[in-house]
Amino acid sequence: MALSFVISVLDAILTFAVFKVSPMDTIAADIGQQKVLGLRGKITAYVELTKPRIAFLLVLTSAAGFYLGSATGAFSTLLFVHSMLAITLLALGVATLNQVWERDLDPLMKRTATRPLPSSRVTFNEALVFGTIQCLVAEVYLLVAVNALTAVLGMVVIVGYVFVYTPLKTRTSASTAIGALPGALPPLMGWTAAANEISIGAWALFAMQFLWQFPHFLAIAWMYREEYAKAGILMLPVVEPSGRITFRQIVMFAIMLLPVSLAPFFFGISGIIFLVGASILGLWMLWASIQAARSKTNAASRKLLLVSVIYLPLLFILMVADKR
């Protein structure tokens, strides 16, 4: 009863205060806009709401953080399972609420126009309740089965990504840097789930993922700058169409990422195999960034995006495989 009451109250607050939807809007969405779907179609729509590919990458870095944060011989399989389930729920819930917030922007961009909300495969109420329940359950799960520190970091992710970063996307190009802060927390959460403390090794993982996001997201922003402009999303390439500052930042953050990515070796977390592998990966990322900056084409940016997507999991896999 208590949990049901909390969900009902939070749903009402988010619906009418935060997301600014009137009662008539929700009635119209529920009655007039939803398409009739079969069970499989409905499940597919809910899965799409959670952006599972992005969630998988985040959970992978969290899992690596947990393993690296575990003291030698003290790895707890049960705690690991609890932590990953909770962090997965959190990632899925945050992605869902992100789409709820951007439901009016997504129809304006070709790449997002077929998402569940703009295509009316899921109603506003359904998506809001679905995302809210996932975040609530994730936070309670972290608090009860993991530890309070990780639960607090989870709340920072929810507030920072959904209620700060997402609305700022239409107000300032600095939103990318702001969003990179909660975006870098998954490996830190994995570490705190295992160690229940934030040490220098945890901050190293945070810094690596924080810096990685700039070449990754700015490449996307350049590729879809025209669509972002139509939707009023003030990504850097929209504000600065020449791309001079955009690609300067891409290269600058790739340069900073290279030495920071080697920190686990110098902090005694991973060994020489990691050092060699991370150096190669970092130089590859830097080379792709420089190539993109030289040409300023969508094709080069797409290559950089592919390199960044391969780079991050390989880097964390190397850390885990060569843990000291």
Protein backbone atom coordinates (compact mmCIF):
# COMPACT_ATOMS: atom_id res chain seq x y z
CA MET A 1 0.00 0.00 0.00
CA ALA A 2 2.76 2.45 0.93
CA LEU A 3 4.70 1.82 -2.29
CA SER A 4 1.51 2.13 -4.36
CA PHE A 5 0.71 5.46 -2.70
CA VAL A 6 4.24 6.79 -3.34
CA ILE A 7 4.06 5.79 -7.01
CA SER A 8 0.64 7.46 -7.39
CA VAL A 9 1.80 10.70 -5.80
CA LEU A 10 5.04 10.81 -7.81
CA ASP A 11 3.14 10.06 -11.01
CA ALA A 12 0.77 12.95 -10.35
CA ILE A 13 3.61 15.36 -9.54
CA LEU A 14 5.61 14.44 -12.63
CA THR A 15 2.55 14.54 -14.88
CA PHE A 16 1.08 17.87 -13.91
CA ALA A 17 4.01 19.78 -12.37
CA VAL A 18 7.26 18.63 -13.94
CA PHE A 19 6.24 17.47 -17.40
CA LYS A 20 3.49 20.14 -17.65
CA VAL A 21 0.74 18.00 -19.10
CA SER A 22 -2.86 18.92 -18.49
CA PRO A 23 -5.54 16.31 -17.57
CA MET A 24 -7.17 16.82 -20.98
CA ASP A 25 -3.88 16.08 -22.73
CA THR A 26 -3.51 12.77 -20.94
CA ILE A 27 -7.11 11.80 -21.69
CA ALA A 28 -6.60 12.62 -25.36
CA ALA A 29 -3.41 10.59 -25.44
CA ASP A 30 -5.04 7.61 -23.79
CA ILE A 31 -8.21 7.64 -25.94
CA GLY A 32 -7.44 9.25 -29.26
CA GLN A 33 -3.77 8.78 -30.07
CA GLN A 34 -2.78 5.23 -29.22
CA LYS A 35 -2.64 2.69 -31.98
CA VAL A 36 -3.98 -0.78 -31.43
CA LEU A 37 -1.03 -3.12 -31.03
CA GLY A 38 -0.63 -6.79 -30.45
CA LEU A 39 1.18 -8.05 -27.38
CA ARG A 40 4.45 -8.42 -29.26
CA GLY A 41 4.19 -4.89 -30.65
CA LYS A 42 3.47 -3.47 -27.22
CA ILE A 43 6.42 -5.26 -25.64
CA THR A 44 8.67 -4.06 -28.47
CA ALA A 45 7.53 -0.48 -27.87
CA TYR A 46 8.30 -0.70 -24.16
CA VAL A 47 11.73 -2.16 -24.90
CA GLU A 48 12.46 0.71 -27.30
CA LEU A 49 11.56 3.20 -24.57
CA THR A 50 14.46 1.92 -22.47
CA LYS A 51 17.17 2.35 -25.16
CA PRO A 52 18.61 -1.11 -24.38
CA ARG A 53 21.80 -0.73 -26.44
CA ILE A 54 22.85 2.35 -24.51
CA ALA A 55 21.84 0.70 -21.23
CA PHE A 56 23.96 -2.35 -22.08
CA LEU A 57 27.07 -0.20 -22.55
CA LEU A 58 26.46 1.61 -19.25
CA VAL A 59 25.89 -1.62 -17.35
CA LEU A 60 29.04 -3.11 -18.90
CA THR A 61 31.13 -0.26 -17.48
CA SER A 62 29.32 -0.64 -14.15
CA ALA A 63 30.16 -4.34 -14.07
CA ALA A 64 33.81 -3.54 -14.77
CA GLY A 65 33.75 -0.93 -12.01
CA PHE A 66 32.35 -3.49 -9.56
CA TYR A 67 35.05 -6.05 -10.38
CA LEU A 68 37.84 -3.47 -10.19
CA GLY A 69 36.47 -2.10 -6.92
CA SER A 70 36.33 -5.52 -5.29
CA ALA A 71 39.22 -6.26 -2.97
CA THR A 72 41.41 -9.21 -3.97
CA GLY A 73 39.60 -12.42 -3.13
CA ALA A 74 36.51 -10.54 -1.91
CA PHE A 75 34.34 -10.62 -5.04
CA SER A 76 30.72 -11.29 -4.01
CA THR A 77 28.67 -12.90 -6.76
CA LEU A 78 25.38 -12.23 -4.96
CA LEU A 79 26.18 -8.55 -4.41
CA PHE A 80 27.30 -8.29 -8.03
CA VAL A 81 23.97 -9.68 -9.28
CA HIS A 82 21.97 -7.35 -7.04
CA SER A 83 24.06 -4.36 -8.13
CA MET A 84 23.82 -5.05 -11.84
CA LEU A 85 20.07 -5.69 -11.72
CA ALA A 86 19.50 -2.43 -9.87
CA ILE A 87 21.81 -0.39 -12.12
CA THR A 88 20.18 -1.92 -15.20
CA LEU A 89 16.73 -0.90 -13.94
CA LEU A 90 18.05 2.58 -13.26
CA ALA A 91 19.52 2.93 -16.76
CA LEU A 92 16.31 1.70 -18.37
CA GLY A 93 14.15 3.98 -16.25
CA VAL A 94 16.25 7.08 -16.91
CA ALA A 95 16.16 6.39 -20.67
CA THR A 96 12.38 6.04 -20.51
CA LEU A 97 11.88 9.31 -18.62
CA ASN A 98 14.24 11.02 -21.06
CA GLN A 99 11.91 10.05 -23.90
CA VAL A 100 8.90 11.21 -21.89
CA TRP A 101 10.47 14.64 -21.54
CA GLU A 102 11.42 14.84 -25.22
CA ARG A 103 8.09 13.57 -26.58
CA ASP A 104 7.40 16.93 -28.29
CA LEU A 105 10.90 17.21 -29.79
CA ASP A 106 11.25 13.67 -31.14
CA PRO A 107 8.59 14.06 -33.89
CA LEU A 108 10.60 16.97 -35.32
CA MET A 109 13.64 14.80 -36.07
CA LYS A 110 13.72 11.97 -38.59
CA ARG A 111 16.02 9.81 -36.45
CA THR A 112 13.61 9.91 -33.47
CA ALA A 113 10.20 10.35 -35.10
CA THR A 114 9.40 6.64 -34.93
CA ARG A 115 10.08 6.28 -31.21
CA PRO A 116 7.23 4.79 -29.15
CA LEU A 117 5.79 8.10 -27.91
CA PRO A 118 5.74 10.15 -31.16
CA SER A 119 4.47 7.11 -33.06
CA SER A 120 1.69 6.69 -30.44
CA ARG A 121 2.59 3.09 -29.71
CA VAL A 122 2.83 4.00 -26.03
CA THR A 123 0.82 6.75 -24.31
CA PHE A 124 2.31 9.49 -22.15
CA ASN A 125 0.81 7.97 -18.99
CA GLU A 126 2.12 4.50 -19.77
CA ALA A 127 5.65 5.74 -20.44
CA LEU A 128 5.68 8.00 -17.39
CA VAL A 129 4.49 5.27 -15.01
CA PHE A 130 6.83 2.72 -16.60
CA GLY A 131 9.89 4.95 -16.23
CA THR A 132 8.95 6.13 -12.75
CA ILE A 133 8.44 2.61 -11.43
CA GLN A 134 11.77 1.46 -12.85
CA CYS A 135 13.64 4.34 -11.20
CA LEU A 136 11.82 3.89 -7.87
CA VAL A 137 12.42 0.15 -7.77
CA ALA A 138 16.07 0.66 -8.76
CA GLU A 139 16.64 3.18 -5.96
CA VAL A 140 14.93 1.02 -3.30
CA TYR A 141 16.84 -2.02 -4.57
CA LEU A 142 20.18 -0.19 -4.35
CA LEU A 143 19.40 1.08 -0.87
CA VAL A 144 18.25 -2.29 0.51
CA ALA A 145 20.43 -4.81 -1.33
CA VAL A 146 23.58 -2.81 -2.14
CA ASN A 147 24.43 0.31 -0.10
CA ALA A 148 23.29 3.87 0.54
CA LEU A 149 26.25 5.48 -1.24
CA THR A 150 25.40 3.79 -4.54
CA ALA A 151 21.72 4.68 -4.07
CA VAL A 152 22.69 8.35 -3.63
CA LEU A 153 24.75 8.24 -6.82
CA GLY A 154 21.77 6.67 -8.56
CA MET A 155 19.60 9.58 -7.46
CA VAL A 156 22.22 11.98 -8.83
CA VAL A 157 21.93 10.19 -12.18
CA ILE A 158 18.13 10.55 -12.21
CA VAL A 159 18.10 14.21 -11.23
CA GLY A 160 21.14 15.18 -13.28
CA TYR A 161 20.15 13.43 -16.51
CA VAL A 162 16.36 13.68 -16.53
CA PHE A 163 15.66 16.94 -14.72
CA VAL A 164 18.80 18.99 -15.47
CA TYR A 165 20.51 17.81 -18.67
CA THR A 166 17.42 16.97 -20.75
CA PRO A 167 15.56 20.30 -20.37
CA LEU A 168 18.81 22.25 -20.82
CA LYS A 169 19.30 20.77 -24.30
CA THR A 170 16.95 23.41 -25.73
CA ARG A 171 18.50 26.23 -23.68
CA THR A 172 22.28 25.97 -23.89
CA SER A 173 25.02 24.12 -25.75
CA ALA A 174 26.69 23.60 -22.35
CA SER A 175 24.14 20.84 -21.75
CA THR A 176 26.59 18.32 -23.24
CA ALA A 177 29.14 19.00 -20.49
CA ILE A 178 26.42 18.96 -17.83
CA GLY A 179 24.98 15.69 -19.11
CA ALA A 180 28.44 14.12 -19.17
CA LEU A 181 28.55 14.27 -15.36
CA PRO A 182 25.67 11.83 -14.67
CA GLY A 183 26.69 9.97 -17.82
CA ALA A 184 30.07 9.16 -16.25
CA LEU A 185 28.64 7.78 -13.00
CA PRO A 186 27.88 4.12 -13.98
CA PRO A 187 31.46 2.80 -13.51
CA LEU A 188 31.72 4.83 -10.31
CA MET A 189 28.46 3.25 -9.10
CA GLY A 190 29.82 -0.19 -9.91
CA TRP A 191 32.91 0.56 -7.84
CA THR A 192 30.94 1.89 -4.85
CA ALA A 193 28.56 -1.07 -5.03
CA ALA A 194 31.54 -3.35 -4.36
CA ALA A 195 33.70 -1.16 -2.10
CA ASN A 196 31.14 1.18 -0.49
CA GLU A 197 33.62 4.04 -0.89
CA ILE A 198 34.93 6.39 -3.55
CA SER A 199 38.69 6.01 -3.88
CA ILE A 200 41.14 7.40 -6.43
CA GLY A 201 40.60 4.36 -8.66
CA ALA A 202 36.88 5.09 -8.79
CA TRP A 203 37.55 8.69 -9.78
CA ALA A 204 39.86 7.46 -12.56
CA LEU A 205 37.02 5.40 -14.06
CA PHE A 206 34.69 8.38 -13.75
CA ALA A 207 37.18 10.69 -15.48
CA MET A 208 37.74 8.26 -18.34
CA GLN A 209 34.04 7.89 -19.11
CA PHE A 210 33.47 11.63 -18.65
CA LEU A 211 36.10 12.60 -21.23
CA TRP A 212 35.08 9.84 -23.64
CA GLN A 213 31.59 11.27 -23.97
CA PHE A 214 32.69 14.49 -25.70
CA PRO A 215 34.14 13.00 -28.92
CA HIS A 216 31.29 10.47 -28.90
CA PHE A 217 28.36 12.89 -28.51
CA LEU A 218 29.86 15.76 -30.51
CA ALA A 219 30.30 13.37 -33.45
CA ILE A 220 26.60 12.54 -33.20
CA ALA A 221 25.72 16.21 -32.85
CA TRP A 222 27.66 17.06 -36.02
CA MET A 223 26.05 14.26 -38.02
CA TYR A 224 22.53 15.31 -37.03
CA ARG A 225 23.07 19.06 -36.64
CA GLU A 226 20.32 19.96 -39.12
CA GLU A 227 17.77 17.80 -37.32
CA TYR A 228 18.79 19.19 -33.94
CA ALA A 229 18.38 22.71 -35.34
CA LYS A 230 14.84 21.94 -36.53
CA ALA A 231 13.94 20.64 -33.07
CA GLY A 232 15.49 23.64 -31.31
CA ILE A 233 18.09 21.51 -29.53
CA LEU A 234 21.13 23.73 -28.99
CA MET A 235 23.94 21.29 -29.54
CA LEU A 236 27.30 22.94 -30.23
CA PRO A 237 27.20 22.40 -34.04
CA VAL A 238 23.81 24.15 -34.10
CA VAL A 239 25.13 27.18 -32.26
CA GLU A 240 28.42 27.18 -34.18
CA PRO A 241 27.67 25.84 -37.72
CA SER A 242 31.25 26.14 -39.01
CA GLY A 243 32.33 23.26 -36.78
CA ARG A 244 35.59 24.95 -35.81
CA ILE A 245 34.93 24.86 -32.06
CA THR A 246 33.10 21.52 -32.23
CA PHE A 247 36.03 19.66 -33.77
CA ARG A 248 38.56 21.53 -31.67
CA GLN A 249 36.77 20.18 -28.60
CA ILE A 250 36.62 16.69 -30.09
CA VAL A 251 40.40 16.63 -30.56
CA MET A 252 41.08 18.34 -27.23
CA PHE A 253 39.07 15.82 -25.24
CA ALA A 254 40.59 12.92 -27.18
CA ILE A 255 44.04 14.23 -26.25
CA MET A 256 43.04 14.51 -22.57
CA LEU A 257 41.47 11.05 -22.64
CA LEU A 258 44.72 9.36 -23.72
CA PRO A 259 46.79 9.97 -20.53
CA VAL A 260 43.75 9.71 -18.23
CA SER A 261 42.90 6.30 -19.70
CA LEU A 262 46.30 5.03 -18.57
CA ALA A 263 45.65 5.97 -14.94
CA PRO A 264 44.56 2.45 -13.88
CA PHE A 265 48.09 1.22 -14.63
CA PHE A 266 49.79 3.96 -12.61
CA PHE A 267 47.30 3.55 -9.74
CA GLY A 268 48.09 -0.17 -9.57
CA ILE A 269 44.66 -1.31 -10.74
CA SER A 270 45.70 -2.98 -14.00
CA GLY A 271 48.97 -4.24 -15.44
CA ILE A 272 51.29 -3.82 -18.40
CA ILE A 273 48.98 -5.55 -20.89
CA PHE A 274 46.35 -2.95 -20.11
CA LEU A 275 48.90 -0.14 -20.47
CA VAL A 276 49.87 -1.27 -23.98
CA GLY A 277 46.29 -1.95 -25.05
CA ALA A 278 44.94 1.31 -23.64
CA SER A 279 47.72 3.26 -25.36
CA ILE A 280 46.84 1.71 -28.72
CA LEU A 281 43.13 2.34 -28.20
CA GLY A 282 43.76 5.93 -27.12
CA LEU A 283 45.90 6.66 -30.17
CA TRP A 284 43.21 5.11 -32.38
CA MET A 285 40.58 7.34 -30.80
CA LEU A 286 42.81 10.40 -31.23
CA TRP A 287 43.56 9.54 -34.85
CA ALA A 288 39.83 9.18 -35.64
CA SER A 289 39.18 12.51 -33.92
CA ILE A 290 41.88 14.29 -35.94
CA GLN A 291 40.59 12.77 -39.18
CA ALA A 292 37.08 13.97 -38.37
CA ALA A 293 38.40 17.45 -37.54
CA ARG A 294 40.31 17.66 -40.80
CA SER A 295 37.43 16.72 -43.06
CA LYS A 296 34.42 17.92 -41.04
CA THR A 297 32.26 15.45 -42.97
CA ASN A 298 29.43 13.25 -41.76
CA ALA A 299 31.31 10.20 -43.02
CA ALA A 300 34.38 10.96 -40.88
CA SER A 301 32.18 11.75 -37.89
CA ARG A 302 30.38 8.44 -38.34
CA LYS A 303 33.75 6.65 -38.32
CA LEU A 304 34.67 8.48 -35.13
CA LEU A 305 31.35 7.46 -33.61
CA LEU A 306 32.04 3.81 -34.49
CA VAL A 307 35.55 4.02 -33.02
CA SER A 308 34.19 5.52 -29.80
CA VAL A 309 31.56 2.80 -29.45
CA ILE A 310 34.24 0.11 -29.83
CA TYR A 311 36.82 1.96 -27.72
CA LEU A 312 34.96 2.18 -24.41
CA PRO A 313 34.00 -1.48 -23.86
CA LEU A 314 37.41 -2.67 -25.04
CA LEU A 315 39.12 -0.32 -22.60
CA PHE A 316 37.09 -1.63 -19.66
CA ILE A 317 37.49 -5.24 -20.77
CA LEU A 318 41.26 -4.74 -20.82
CA MET A 319 41.15 -3.30 -17.31
CA VAL A 320 39.22 -6.30 -16.03
CA ALA A 321 41.31 -8.87 -17.89
CA ASP A 322 44.59 -7.44 -16.58
CA LYS A 323 43.51 -6.54 -13.06
CA ARG A 324 46.38 -6.75 -10.59
